[in-house]
């Protein structure tokens, strides 16, 4: 795989989805409250990160690609903070709608001694208006000539409406761009025409009408329903399984995890898989090599706390060591 990585070129990847401001409140617990039988967290510090679809975006930027973000934030202080985090990272162009109807989504994780105790969510789930969809698509059309791949990072928070998804896929595929969809919900037909969908095992079974069926049968149904080039199912500690139709038959390949030493936090591992898949598809990398690189990257990030990202130099080192 080393020679493949040497041949990769920086690409421009569009990321459509639900952008979330992740807040991490770290502290220590030494006593129980006299007001109620609950622990008291003595706050030591707070971290802010770009989450949701933004974690895919951050992985893309970390890999040395240009990320173009299409999403929505509130016209509030949290929205300004999220945009500022993107600007500081670099390699990112933000095309985010500033909405007065919905606040910026915030997830506040309360952590003590490296253990998450509680998560506080601030959100209001409202679909885009037809006028907002038109604004998103107008910006996408302007950017299309400079893009090399498209990612749909769906967290079911209202930005990726069914009509917007359909228009994005139609416009992208008409220009020959690969489309990677990280799905949400039970109806994968809304991603019809995407190049690949990347559900985890639970999501794949939930989207199928075949109760308790083998994964091969589930995959065959999902590929047919969404008219995919192939399906990539993430299996956690067991790696990745891919399915594609070849000569009228379903071909399954399994790629076990290669490099993980200890699973500390699986948060964001799926986003890393999506980012590496986008890098590979934009560069025309062969299917099996792409899956091995996705596995190496995922194995790396689950060994770190929080939604970690992998840079290109680390991916290259992992590929060299696994050769």
C-alpha atoms as a PDB file:
ATOM      1  CA  UNK A   1       0.000   0.000   0.000  1.00  0.00           C
ATOM      2  CA  UNK A   2       2.975   2.334   0.401  1.00  0.00           C
ATOM      3  CA  UNK A   3       3.204   3.084  -3.305  1.00  0.00           C
ATOM      4  CA  UNK A   4      -0.541   3.810  -3.400  1.00  0.00           C
ATOM      5  CA  UNK A   5      -0.191   6.452  -0.687  1.00  0.00           C
ATOM      6  CA  UNK A   6       2.729   8.056  -2.506  1.00  0.00           C
ATOM      7  CA  UNK A   7       0.464   8.524  -5.509  1.00  0.00           C
ATOM      8  CA  UNK A   8      -2.411  10.182  -3.653  1.00  0.00           C
ATOM      9  CA  UNK A   9      -3.047  13.838  -4.421  1.00  0.00           C
ATOM     10  CA  UNK A  10      -4.851  16.498  -2.334  1.00  0.00           C
ATOM     11  CA  UNK A  11      -8.501  16.634  -3.309  1.00  0.00           C
ATOM     12  CA  UNK A  12     -11.497  18.847  -2.592  1.00  0.00           C
ATOM     13  CA  UNK A  13     -14.296  17.048  -0.734  1.00  0.00           C
ATOM     14  CA  UNK A  14     -17.768  18.453  -0.104  1.00  0.00           C
ATOM     15  CA  UNK A  15     -19.308  17.484   3.233  1.00  0.00           C
ATOM     16  CA  UNK A  16     -23.069  17.935   3.602  1.00  0.00           C
ATOM     17  CA  UNK A  17     -24.666  17.278   6.958  1.00  0.00           C
ATOM     18  CA  UNK A  18     -25.516  18.196  10.501  1.00  0.00           C
ATOM     19  CA  UNK A  19     -22.713  20.208  12.094  1.00  0.00           C
ATOM     20  CA  UNK A  20     -22.555  19.973  15.877  1.00  0.00           C
ATOM     21  CA  UNK A  21     -20.533  21.846  18.488  1.00  0.00           C
ATOM     22  CA  UNK A  22     -19.025  19.300  20.865  1.00  0.00           C
ATOM     23  CA  UNK A  23     -18.279  20.539  24.371  1.00  0.00           C
ATOM     24  CA  UNK A  24     -16.186  18.466  26.771  1.00  0.00           C
ATOM     25  CA  UNK A  25     -16.415  19.476  30.423  1.00  0.00           C
ATOM     26  CA  UNK A  26     -13.604  17.794  32.357  1.00  0.00           C
ATOM     27  CA  UNK A  27     -13.380  17.675  36.122  1.00  0.00           C
ATOM     28  CA  UNK A  28     -12.929  15.646  39.275  1.00  0.00           C
ATOM     29  CA  UNK A  29     -15.397  14.161  41.734  1.00  0.00           C
ATOM     30  CA  UNK A  30     -14.537  14.078  45.430  1.00  0.00           C
ATOM     31  CA  UNK A  31     -17.875  14.357  47.185  1.00  0.00           C
ATOM     32  CA  UNK A  32     -21.647  13.911  46.987  1.00  0.00           C
ATOM     33  CA  UNK A  33     -24.004  16.884  46.966  1.00  0.00           C
ATOM     34  CA  UNK A  34     -25.829  17.626  50.245  1.00  0.00           C
ATOM     35  CA  UNK A  35     -28.833  18.714  48.143  1.00  0.00           C
ATOM     36  CA  UNK A  36     -29.389  15.350  46.432  1.00  0.00           C
ATOM     37  CA  UNK A  37     -27.602  11.974  46.177  1.00  0.00           C
ATOM     38  CA  UNK A  38     -25.567  13.049  43.128  1.00  0.00           C
ATOM     39  CA  UNK A  39     -21.819  13.560  42.661  1.00  0.00           C
ATOM     40  CA  UNK A  40     -20.374  17.069  42.462  1.00  0.00           C
ATOM     41  CA  UNK A  41     -18.070  17.666  39.497  1.00  0.00           C
ATOM     42  CA  UNK A  42     -15.333  20.192  40.171  1.00  0.00           C
ATOM     43  CA  UNK A  43     -14.693  21.566  36.681  1.00  0.00           C
ATOM     44  CA  UNK A  44     -11.022  21.755  35.683  1.00  0.00           C
ATOM     45  CA  UNK A  45     -11.244  22.722  32.016  1.00  0.00           C
ATOM     46  CA  UNK A  46     -13.525  22.795  28.970  1.00  0.00           C
ATOM     47  CA  UNK A  47     -12.694  21.783  25.393  1.00  0.00           C
ATOM     48  CA  UNK A  48     -14.665  22.700  22.280  1.00  0.00           C
ATOM     49  CA  UNK A  49     -14.573  20.653  19.061  1.00  0.00           C
ATOM     50  CA  UNK A  50     -16.363  20.513  15.726  1.00  0.00           C
ATOM     51  CA  UNK A  51     -18.621  17.461  15.873  1.00  0.00           C
ATOM     52  CA  UNK A  52     -21.274  15.632  13.886  1.00  0.00           C
ATOM     53  CA  UNK A  53     -20.616  16.060  10.182  1.00  0.00           C
ATOM     54  CA  UNK A  54     -17.807  18.359  11.295  1.00  0.00           C
ATOM     55  CA  UNK A  55     -15.798  15.401  12.532  1.00  0.00           C
ATOM     56  CA  UNK A  56     -15.735  14.021   8.982  1.00  0.00           C
ATOM     57  CA  UNK A  57     -14.666  17.477   7.853  1.00  0.00           C
ATOM     58  CA  UNK A  58     -11.849  17.630  10.430  1.00  0.00           C
ATOM     59  CA  UNK A  59     -10.608  14.194   9.375  1.00  0.00           C
ATOM     60  CA  UNK A  60     -10.607  15.326   5.753  1.00  0.00           C
ATOM     61  CA  UNK A  61      -8.583  18.439   6.621  1.00  0.00           C
ATOM     62  CA  UNK A  62      -6.190  16.405   8.790  1.00  0.00           C
ATOM     63  CA  UNK A  63      -5.551  14.113   5.811  1.00  0.00           C
ATOM     64  CA  UNK A  64      -4.383  17.151   3.838  1.00  0.00           C
ATOM     65  CA  UNK A  65      -7.495  17.570   1.690  1.00  0.00           C
ATOM     66  CA  UNK A  66      -9.661  20.642   1.242  1.00  0.00           C
ATOM     67  CA  UNK A  67     -13.025  20.285   2.953  1.00  0.00           C
ATOM     68  CA  UNK A  68     -16.047  22.285   1.815  1.00  0.00           C
ATOM     69  CA  UNK A  69     -18.740  22.333   4.504  1.00  0.00           C
ATOM     70  CA  UNK A  70     -22.451  22.646   3.688  1.00  0.00           C
ATOM     71  CA  UNK A  71     -24.692  22.713   6.734  1.00  0.00           C
ATOM     72  CA  UNK A  72     -26.531  24.903   9.198  1.00  0.00           C
ATOM     73  CA  UNK A  73     -25.733  26.658  12.474  1.00  0.00           C
ATOM     74  CA  UNK A  74     -27.784  28.983  14.611  1.00  0.00           C
ATOM     75  CA  UNK A  75     -27.373  32.758  14.576  1.00  0.00           C
ATOM     76  CA  UNK A  76     -25.912  32.524  18.069  1.00  0.00           C
ATOM     77  CA  UNK A  77     -22.649  32.481  20.029  1.00  0.00           C
ATOM     78  CA  UNK A  78     -22.294  28.721  19.644  1.00  0.00           C
ATOM     79  CA  UNK A  79     -22.584  29.054  15.865  1.00  0.00           C
ATOM     80  CA  UNK A  80     -19.863  31.720  15.864  1.00  0.00           C
ATOM     81  CA  UNK A  81     -17.642  29.469  17.976  1.00  0.00           C
ATOM     82  CA  UNK A  82     -18.135  26.533  15.597  1.00  0.00           C
ATOM     83  CA  UNK A  83     -17.244  28.670  12.573  1.00  0.00           C
ATOM     84  CA  UNK A  84     -14.177  30.027  14.362  1.00  0.00           C
ATOM     85  CA  UNK A  85     -12.970  26.477  15.108  1.00  0.00           C
ATOM     86  CA  UNK A  86     -13.258  25.683  11.400  1.00  0.00           C
ATOM     87  CA  UNK A  87     -11.337  28.801  10.415  1.00  0.00           C
ATOM     88  CA  UNK A  88      -8.543  28.023  12.866  1.00  0.00           C
ATOM     89  CA  UNK A  89      -8.159  24.489  11.491  1.00  0.00           C
ATOM     90  CA  UNK A  90      -7.508  25.587   7.920  1.00  0.00           C
ATOM     91  CA  UNK A  91      -8.097  23.559   4.737  1.00  0.00           C
ATOM     92  CA  UNK A  92     -11.822  24.236   5.251  1.00  0.00           C
ATOM     93  CA  UNK A  93     -14.300  26.407   3.364  1.00  0.00           C
ATOM     94  CA  UNK A  94     -17.532  26.908   5.301  1.00  0.00           C
ATOM     95  CA  UNK A  95     -20.780  27.261   3.357  1.00  0.00           C
ATOM     96  CA  UNK A  96     -22.983  27.107   6.453  1.00  0.00           C
ATOM     97  CA  UNK A  97     -26.430  28.661   6.633  1.00  0.00           C
ATOM     98  CA  UNK A  98     -26.932  30.961   9.641  1.00  0.00           C
ATOM     99  CA  UNK A  99     -30.433  30.138  10.873  1.00  0.00           C
ATOM    100  CA  UNK A 100     -32.641  32.239  13.115  1.00  0.00           C
ATOM    101  CA  UNK A 101     -35.134  29.353  13.394  1.00  0.00           C
ATOM    102  CA  UNK A 102     -32.887  26.743  14.991  1.00  0.00           C
ATOM    103  CA  UNK A 103     -30.045  27.040  17.518  1.00  0.00           C
ATOM    104  CA  UNK A 104     -26.612  25.567  16.937  1.00  0.00           C
ATOM    105  CA  UNK A 105     -26.657  21.960  18.111  1.00  0.00           C
ATOM    106  CA  UNK A 106     -24.461  21.499  21.190  1.00  0.00           C
ATOM    107  CA  UNK A 107     -23.519  18.224  22.887  1.00  0.00           C
ATOM    108  CA  UNK A 108     -21.882  18.722  26.279  1.00  0.00           C
ATOM    109  CA  UNK A 109     -20.094  15.628  27.567  1.00  0.00           C
ATOM    110  CA  UNK A 110     -19.391  15.621  31.301  1.00  0.00           C
ATOM    111  CA  UNK A 111     -16.168  13.691  31.964  1.00  0.00           C
ATOM    112  CA  UNK A 112     -14.478  12.733  35.240  1.00  0.00           C
ATOM    113  CA  UNK A 113     -11.311  10.633  35.434  1.00  0.00           C
ATOM    114  CA  UNK A 114     -11.506   9.923  31.680  1.00  0.00           C
ATOM    115  CA  UNK A 115     -14.995   8.476  32.066  1.00  0.00           C
ATOM    116  CA  UNK A 116     -18.050  10.088  30.528  1.00  0.00           C
ATOM    117  CA  UNK A 117     -20.764  10.513  33.170  1.00  0.00           C
ATOM    118  CA  UNK A 118     -23.451  12.392  31.292  1.00  0.00           C
ATOM    119  CA  UNK A 119     -24.222  14.122  28.014  1.00  0.00           C
ATOM    120  CA  UNK A 120     -26.333  17.268  27.767  1.00  0.00           C
ATOM    121  CA  UNK A 121     -27.847  17.971  24.320  1.00  0.00           C
ATOM    122  CA  UNK A 122     -29.164  21.333  23.114  1.00  0.00           C
ATOM    123  CA  UNK A 123     -31.004  21.032  19.819  1.00  0.00           C
ATOM    124  CA  UNK A 124     -34.181  21.755  17.883  1.00  0.00           C
ATOM    125  CA  UNK A 125     -34.743  19.450  14.908  1.00  0.00           C
ATOM    126  CA  UNK A 126     -36.402  21.313  12.026  1.00  0.00           C
ATOM    127  CA  UNK A 127     -36.093  20.489   8.319  1.00  0.00           C
ATOM    128  CA  UNK A 128     -34.733  23.065   5.901  1.00  0.00           C
ATOM    129  CA  UNK A 129     -37.287  25.238   4.183  1.00  0.00           C
ATOM    130  CA  UNK A 130     -37.546  25.040   0.360  1.00  0.00           C
ATOM    131  CA  UNK A 131     -35.851  28.434   0.196  1.00  0.00           C
ATOM    132  CA  UNK A 132     -32.934  27.227   2.311  1.00  0.00           C
ATOM    133  CA  UNK A 133     -32.560  24.142   0.118  1.00  0.00           C
ATOM    134  CA  UNK A 134     -32.324  26.363  -2.962  1.00  0.00           C
ATOM    135  CA  UNK A 135     -29.563  28.420  -1.326  1.00  0.00           C
ATOM    136  CA  UNK A 136     -27.583  25.266  -0.473  1.00  0.00           C
ATOM    137  CA  UNK A 137     -27.913  23.875  -3.998  1.00  0.00           C
ATOM    138  CA  UNK A 138     -26.952  27.205  -5.590  1.00  0.00           C
ATOM    139  CA  UNK A 139     -23.709  27.201  -3.625  1.00  0.00           C
ATOM    140  CA  UNK A 140     -23.095  23.545  -4.481  1.00  0.00           C
ATOM    141  CA  UNK A 141     -23.540  24.216  -8.190  1.00  0.00           C
ATOM    142  CA  UNK A 142     -20.979  27.038  -8.034  1.00  0.00           C
ATOM    143  CA  UNK A 143     -18.453  24.755  -6.302  1.00  0.00           C
ATOM    144  CA  UNK A 144     -19.065  21.614  -8.391  1.00  0.00           C
ATOM    145  CA  UNK A 145     -16.327  22.216 -10.999  1.00  0.00           C
ATOM    146  CA  UNK A 146     -13.704  22.299  -8.215  1.00  0.00           C
ATOM    147  CA  UNK A 147     -14.912  19.250  -6.247  1.00  0.00           C
ATOM    148  CA  UNK A 148     -13.630  15.675  -6.409  1.00  0.00           C
ATOM    149  CA  UNK A 149     -16.040  13.786  -4.098  1.00  0.00           C
ATOM    150  CA  UNK A 150     -19.133  14.326  -1.955  1.00  0.00           C
ATOM    151  CA  UNK A 151     -19.907  13.087   1.556  1.00  0.00           C
ATOM    152  CA  UNK A 152     -23.380  13.000   3.106  1.00  0.00           C
ATOM    153  CA  UNK A 153     -23.001  12.867   6.894  1.00  0.00           C
ATOM    154  CA  UNK A 154     -26.547  12.387   8.152  1.00  0.00           C
ATOM    155  CA  UNK A 155     -27.355  12.809  11.860  1.00  0.00           C
ATOM    156  CA  UNK A 156     -31.112  13.262  11.256  1.00  0.00           C
ATOM    157  CA  UNK A 157     -31.107  16.814  12.642  1.00  0.00           C
ATOM    158  CA  UNK A 158     -33.052  18.305   9.737  1.00  0.00           C
ATOM    159  CA  UNK A 159     -30.455  19.595   7.286  1.00  0.00           C
ATOM    160  CA  UNK A 160     -30.355  16.599   4.922  1.00  0.00           C
ATOM    161  CA  UNK A 161     -33.953  16.503   3.746  1.00  0.00           C
ATOM    162  CA  UNK A 162     -34.941  13.765   1.324  1.00  0.00           C
ATOM    163  CA  UNK A 163     -35.324  16.229  -1.539  1.00  0.00           C
ATOM    164  CA  UNK A 164     -31.933  17.852  -0.839  1.00  0.00           C
ATOM    165  CA  UNK A 165     -30.210  14.449  -0.695  1.00  0.00           C
ATOM    166  CA  UNK A 166     -31.725  13.488  -4.048  1.00  0.00           C
ATOM    167  CA  UNK A 167     -30.596  16.722  -5.722  1.00  0.00           C
ATOM    168  CA  UNK A 168     -27.063  16.490  -4.295  1.00  0.00           C
ATOM    169  CA  UNK A 169     -26.602  12.909  -5.510  1.00  0.00           C
ATOM    170  CA  UNK A 170     -28.058  13.693  -8.940  1.00  0.00           C
ATOM    171  CA  UNK A 171     -25.797  16.709  -9.485  1.00  0.00           C
ATOM    172  CA  UNK A 172     -22.675  14.974  -8.173  1.00  0.00           C
ATOM    173  CA  UNK A 173     -23.082  11.746 -10.142  1.00  0.00           C
ATOM    174  CA  UNK A 174     -23.865  13.720 -13.320  1.00  0.00           C
ATOM    175  CA  UNK A 175     -20.328  15.137 -13.036  1.00  0.00           C
ATOM    176  CA  UNK A 176     -18.839  11.717 -12.267  1.00  0.00           C
ATOM    177  CA  UNK A 177     -18.155  12.455  -8.584  1.00  0.00           C
ATOM    178  CA  UNK A 178     -18.292   9.621  -6.043  1.00  0.00           C
ATOM    179  CA  UNK A 179     -20.852  10.070  -3.251  1.00  0.00           C
ATOM    180  CA  UNK A 180     -20.283   8.502   0.183  1.00  0.00           C
ATOM    181  CA  UNK A 181     -23.319   8.440   2.488  1.00  0.00           C
ATOM    182  CA  UNK A 182     -23.044   7.850   6.226  1.00  0.00           C
ATOM    183  CA  UNK A 183     -26.717   7.066   6.861  1.00  0.00           C
ATOM    184  CA  UNK A 184     -29.255   7.615   9.586  1.00  0.00           C
ATOM    185  CA  UNK A 185     -32.678   6.049   9.954  1.00  0.00           C
ATOM    186  CA  UNK A 186     -34.301   2.949   8.495  1.00  0.00           C
ATOM    187  CA  UNK A 187     -34.968   4.130   4.940  1.00  0.00           C
ATOM    188  CA  UNK A 188     -31.797   3.926   2.869  1.00  0.00           C
ATOM    189  CA  UNK A 189     -33.753   4.479  -0.352  1.00  0.00           C
ATOM    190  CA  UNK A 190     -33.371   8.237   0.251  1.00  0.00           C
ATOM    191  CA  UNK A 191     -29.666   7.768  -0.641  1.00  0.00           C
ATOM    192  CA  UNK A 192     -30.552   6.172  -3.977  1.00  0.00           C
ATOM    193  CA  UNK A 193     -27.754   6.528  -6.490  1.00  0.00           C
ATOM    194  CA  UNK A 194     -24.923   7.062  -3.990  1.00  0.00           C
ATOM    195  CA  UNK A 195     -21.644   5.299  -4.703  1.00  0.00           C
ATOM    196  CA  UNK A 196     -21.459   3.698  -1.250  1.00  0.00           C
ATOM    197  CA  UNK A 197     -23.314   3.758   2.066  1.00  0.00           C
ATOM    198  CA  UNK A 198     -21.346   3.127   5.281  1.00  0.00           C
ATOM    199  CA  UNK A 199     -23.723   1.893   8.033  1.00  0.00           C
ATOM    200  CA  UNK A 200     -22.594  -0.005  11.093  1.00  0.00           C
ATOM    201  CA  UNK A 201     -23.931  -3.521  11.618  1.00  0.00           C
ATOM    202  CA  UNK A 202     -26.909  -2.421  13.713  1.00  0.00           C
ATOM    203  CA  UNK A 203     -27.896   0.288  11.228  1.00  0.00           C
ATOM    204  CA  UNK A 204     -27.676  -2.124   8.289  1.00  0.00           C
ATOM    205  CA  UNK A 205     -30.005  -4.659   9.910  1.00  0.00           C
ATOM    206  CA  UNK A 206     -32.418  -1.911  11.034  1.00  0.00           C
ATOM    207  CA  UNK A 207     -32.714  -0.622   7.455  1.00  0.00           C
ATOM    208  CA  UNK A 208     -33.561  -4.070   6.103  1.00  0.00           C
ATOM    209  CA  UNK A 209     -36.980  -5.722   5.981  1.00  0.00           C
ATOM    210  CA  UNK A 210     -35.324  -9.141   6.470  1.00  0.00           C
ATOM    211  CA  UNK A 211     -35.643  -9.882  10.169  1.00  0.00           C
ATOM    212  CA  UNK A 212     -32.746 -11.942  11.596  1.00  0.00           C
ATOM    213  CA  UNK A 213     -31.385 -12.554   8.085  1.00  0.00           C
ATOM    214  CA  UNK A 214     -27.675 -13.157   7.354  1.00  0.00           C
ATOM    215  CA  UNK A 215     -25.714 -10.019   6.566  1.00  0.00           C
ATOM    216  CA  UNK A 216     -25.303 -11.094   2.933  1.00  0.00           C
ATOM    217  CA  UNK A 217     -29.086 -11.062   2.422  1.00  0.00           C
ATOM    218  CA  UNK A 218     -29.350  -7.703   4.186  1.00  0.00           C
ATOM    219  CA  UNK A 219     -26.608  -6.255   1.989  1.00  0.00           C
ATOM    220  CA  UNK A 220     -28.218  -7.551  -1.193  1.00  0.00           C
ATOM    221  CA  UNK A 221     -31.499  -5.865  -0.277  1.00  0.00           C
ATOM    222  CA  UNK A 222     -29.854  -2.557   0.657  1.00  0.00           C
ATOM    223  CA  UNK A 223     -27.727  -2.425  -2.505  1.00  0.00           C
ATOM    224  CA  UNK A 224     -30.815  -3.041  -4.613  1.00  0.00           C
ATOM    225  CA  UNK A 225     -32.991  -0.574  -2.693  1.00  0.00           C
ATOM    226  CA  UNK A 226     -30.472   2.278  -2.895  1.00  0.00           C
ATOM    227  CA  UNK A 227     -28.931   1.347  -6.279  1.00  0.00           C
ATOM    228  CA  UNK A 228     -25.411   1.440  -4.833  1.00  0.00           C
ATOM    229  CA  UNK A 229     -22.086   0.640  -6.436  1.00  0.00           C
ATOM    230  CA  UNK A 230     -21.169  -1.123  -3.185  1.00  0.00           C
ATOM    231  CA  UNK A 231     -21.979  -1.285   0.524  1.00  0.00           C
ATOM    232  CA  UNK A 232     -19.458  -0.925   3.351  1.00  0.00           C
ATOM    233  CA  UNK A 233     -20.598  -2.181   6.776  1.00  0.00           C
ATOM    234  CA  UNK A 234     -18.439  -1.249   9.759  1.00  0.00           C
ATOM    235  CA  UNK A 235     -18.218  -4.056  12.329  1.00  0.00           C
ATOM    236  CA  UNK A 236     -16.520  -2.336  15.268  1.00  0.00           C
ATOM    237  CA  UNK A 237     -13.685  -4.454  16.639  1.00  0.00           C
ATOM    238  CA  UNK A 238     -14.256  -6.961  13.822  1.00  0.00           C
ATOM    239  CA  UNK A 239     -13.315  -4.530  11.058  1.00  0.00           C
ATOM    240  CA  UNK A 240     -15.225  -3.868   7.840  1.00  0.00           C
ATOM    241  CA  UNK A 241     -17.316  -6.000   5.489  1.00  0.00           C
ATOM    242  CA  UNK A 242     -17.948  -4.848   1.928  1.00  0.00           C
ATOM    243  CA  UNK A 243     -20.481  -6.083  -0.599  1.00  0.00           C
ATOM    244  CA  UNK A 244     -20.820  -5.453  -4.312  1.00  0.00           C
ATOM    245  CA  UNK A 245     -22.627  -7.051  -7.232  1.00  0.00           C
ATOM    246  CA  UNK A 246     -20.279  -8.670  -9.751  1.00  0.00           C
ATOM    247  CA  UNK A 247     -21.649 -10.602 -12.683  1.00  0.00           C
ATOM    248  CA  UNK A 248     -25.073 -10.776 -11.104  1.00  0.00           C
ATOM    249  CA  UNK A 249     -23.712 -12.273  -7.889  1.00  0.00           C
ATOM    250  CA  UNK A 250     -22.984 -10.659  -4.542  1.00  0.00           C
ATOM    251  CA  UNK A 251     -19.323 -10.560  -3.591  1.00  0.00           C
ATOM    252  CA  UNK A 252     -18.409 -10.193   0.087  1.00  0.00           C
ATOM    253  CA  UNK A 253     -15.000  -9.209   1.404  1.00  0.00           C
ATOM    254  CA  UNK A 254     -14.023  -9.008   5.064  1.00  0.00           C
ATOM    255  CA  UNK A 255     -11.224  -6.765   6.309  1.00  0.00           C
ATOM    256  CA  UNK A 256     -10.308  -7.401   9.964  1.00  0.00           C
ATOM    257  CA  UNK A 257      -8.878  -4.655  12.160  1.00  0.00           C
ATOM    258  CA  UNK A 258      -5.094  -4.652  11.731  1.00  0.00           C
ATOM    259  CA  UNK A 259      -3.470  -2.296  14.182  1.00  0.00           C
ATOM    260  CA  UNK A 260      -5.583  -1.423  17.235  1.00  0.00           C
ATOM    261  CA  UNK A 261      -3.856  -2.134  20.551  1.00  0.00           C
ATOM    262  CA  UNK A 262      -6.590  -1.062  22.972  1.00  0.00           C
ATOM    263  CA  UNK A 263     -10.077   0.288  22.344  1.00  0.00           C
ATOM    264  CA  UNK A 264     -10.381   3.462  24.444  1.00  0.00           C
ATOM    265  CA  UNK A 265     -13.207   5.298  22.665  1.00  0.00           C
ATOM    266  CA  UNK A 266     -15.059   4.360  19.456  1.00  0.00           C
ATOM    267  CA  UNK A 267     -16.495   7.894  19.106  1.00  0.00           C
ATOM    268  CA  UNK A 268     -15.973   9.154  15.559  1.00  0.00           C
ATOM    269  CA  UNK A 269     -14.360   6.002  14.163  1.00  0.00           C
ATOM    270  CA  UNK A 270     -17.068   5.791  11.510  1.00  0.00           C
ATOM    271  CA  UNK A 271     -16.330   9.391  10.506  1.00  0.00           C
ATOM    272  CA  UNK A 272     -12.675   8.492  10.025  1.00  0.00           C
ATOM    273  CA  UNK A 273     -13.676   5.578   7.768  1.00  0.00           C
ATOM    274  CA  UNK A 274     -15.816   7.948   5.692  1.00  0.00           C
ATOM    275  CA  UNK A 275     -12.989  10.499   5.357  1.00  0.00           C
ATOM    276  CA  UNK A 276     -10.421   7.910   4.256  1.00  0.00           C
ATOM    277  CA  UNK A 277     -12.948   6.390   1.834  1.00  0.00           C
ATOM    278  CA  UNK A 278     -13.495   9.862   0.341  1.00  0.00           C
ATOM    279  CA  UNK A 279      -9.741  10.369  -0.040  1.00  0.00           C
ATOM    280  CA  UNK A 280      -9.399   7.017  -1.793  1.00  0.00           C
ATOM    281  CA  UNK A 281     -12.445   7.289  -4.057  1.00  0.00           C
ATOM    282  CA  UNK A 282     -11.467  10.815  -5.111  1.00  0.00           C
ATOM    283  CA  UNK A 283      -8.063   9.416  -6.107  1.00  0.00           C
ATOM    284  CA  UNK A 284      -9.401   6.290  -7.837  1.00  0.00           C
ATOM    285  CA  UNK A 285      -7.793   3.890  -5.338  1.00  0.00           C
ATOM    286  CA  UNK A 286      -8.565   0.198  -5.829  1.00  0.00           C
ATOM    287  CA  UNK A 287     -11.443  -1.069  -3.668  1.00  0.00           C
ATOM    288  CA  UNK A 288      -9.578  -3.569  -1.463  1.00  0.00           C
ATOM    289  CA  UNK A 289      -6.730  -1.140  -0.760  1.00  0.00           C
ATOM    290  CA  UNK A 290      -9.260   1.518   0.219  1.00  0.00           C
ATOM    291  CA  UNK A 291     -10.866  -0.847   2.750  1.00  0.00           C
ATOM    292  CA  UNK A 292      -7.512  -1.770   4.302  1.00  0.00           C
ATOM    293  CA  UNK A 293      -6.616   1.907   4.679  1.00  0.00           C
ATOM    294  CA  UNK A 294     -10.017   2.615   6.261  1.00  0.00           C
ATOM    295  CA  UNK A 295      -9.406  -0.194   8.745  1.00  0.00           C
ATOM    296  CA  UNK A 296      -5.930   1.037   9.642  1.00  0.00           C
ATOM    297  CA  UNK A 297      -7.249   4.547  10.246  1.00  0.00           C
ATOM    298  CA  UNK A 298     -10.198   3.358  12.354  1.00  0.00           C
ATOM    299  CA  UNK A 299      -7.930   1.114  14.411  1.00  0.00           C
ATOM    300  CA  UNK A 300      -5.776   4.132  15.172  1.00  0.00           C
ATOM    301  CA  UNK A 301      -8.531   6.553  16.266  1.00  0.00           C
ATOM    302  CA  UNK A 302     -10.333   4.121  18.614  1.00  0.00           C
ATOM    303  CA  UNK A 303      -7.138   4.059  20.671  1.00  0.00           C
ATOM    304  CA  UNK A 304      -7.645   7.743  21.540  1.00  0.00           C
ATOM    305  CA  UNK A 305     -10.166   9.507  23.770  1.00  0.00           C
ATOM    306  CA  UNK A 306     -12.918  11.487  22.075  1.00  0.00           C
ATOM    307  CA  UNK A 307     -13.511  12.016  18.363  1.00  0.00           C
ATOM    308  CA  UNK A 308      -9.902  11.747  17.187  1.00  0.00           C
ATOM    309  CA  UNK A 309      -8.636  12.314  13.645  1.00  0.00           C
ATOM    310  CA  UNK A 310      -5.736  10.800  11.748  1.00  0.00           C
ATOM    311  CA  UNK A 311      -3.238  12.768   9.683  1.00  0.00           C
ATOM    312  CA  UNK A 312      -1.741  11.649   6.397  1.00  0.00           C
ATOM    313  CA  UNK A 313       1.723  11.019   7.833  1.00  0.00           C
ATOM    314  CA  UNK A 314       0.284   8.643  10.445  1.00  0.00           C
ATOM    315  CA  UNK A 315      -1.800   6.835   7.836  1.00  0.00           C
ATOM    316  CA  UNK A 316       1.306   6.441   5.679  1.00  0.00           C
ATOM    317  CA  UNK A 317       3.280   5.071   8.643  1.00  0.00           C
ATOM    318  CA  UNK A 318       0.535   2.575   9.480  1.00  0.00           C
ATOM    319  CA  UNK A 319       0.392   1.431   5.871  1.00  0.00           C
ATOM    320  CA  UNK A 320       4.178   0.978   5.811  1.00  0.00           C
ATOM    321  CA  UNK A 321       4.180  -1.002   9.061  1.00  0.00           C
ATOM    322  CA  UNK A 322       1.351  -3.292   7.902  1.00  0.00           C
ATOM    323  CA  UNK A 323       2.880  -4.087   4.536  1.00  0.00           C
END
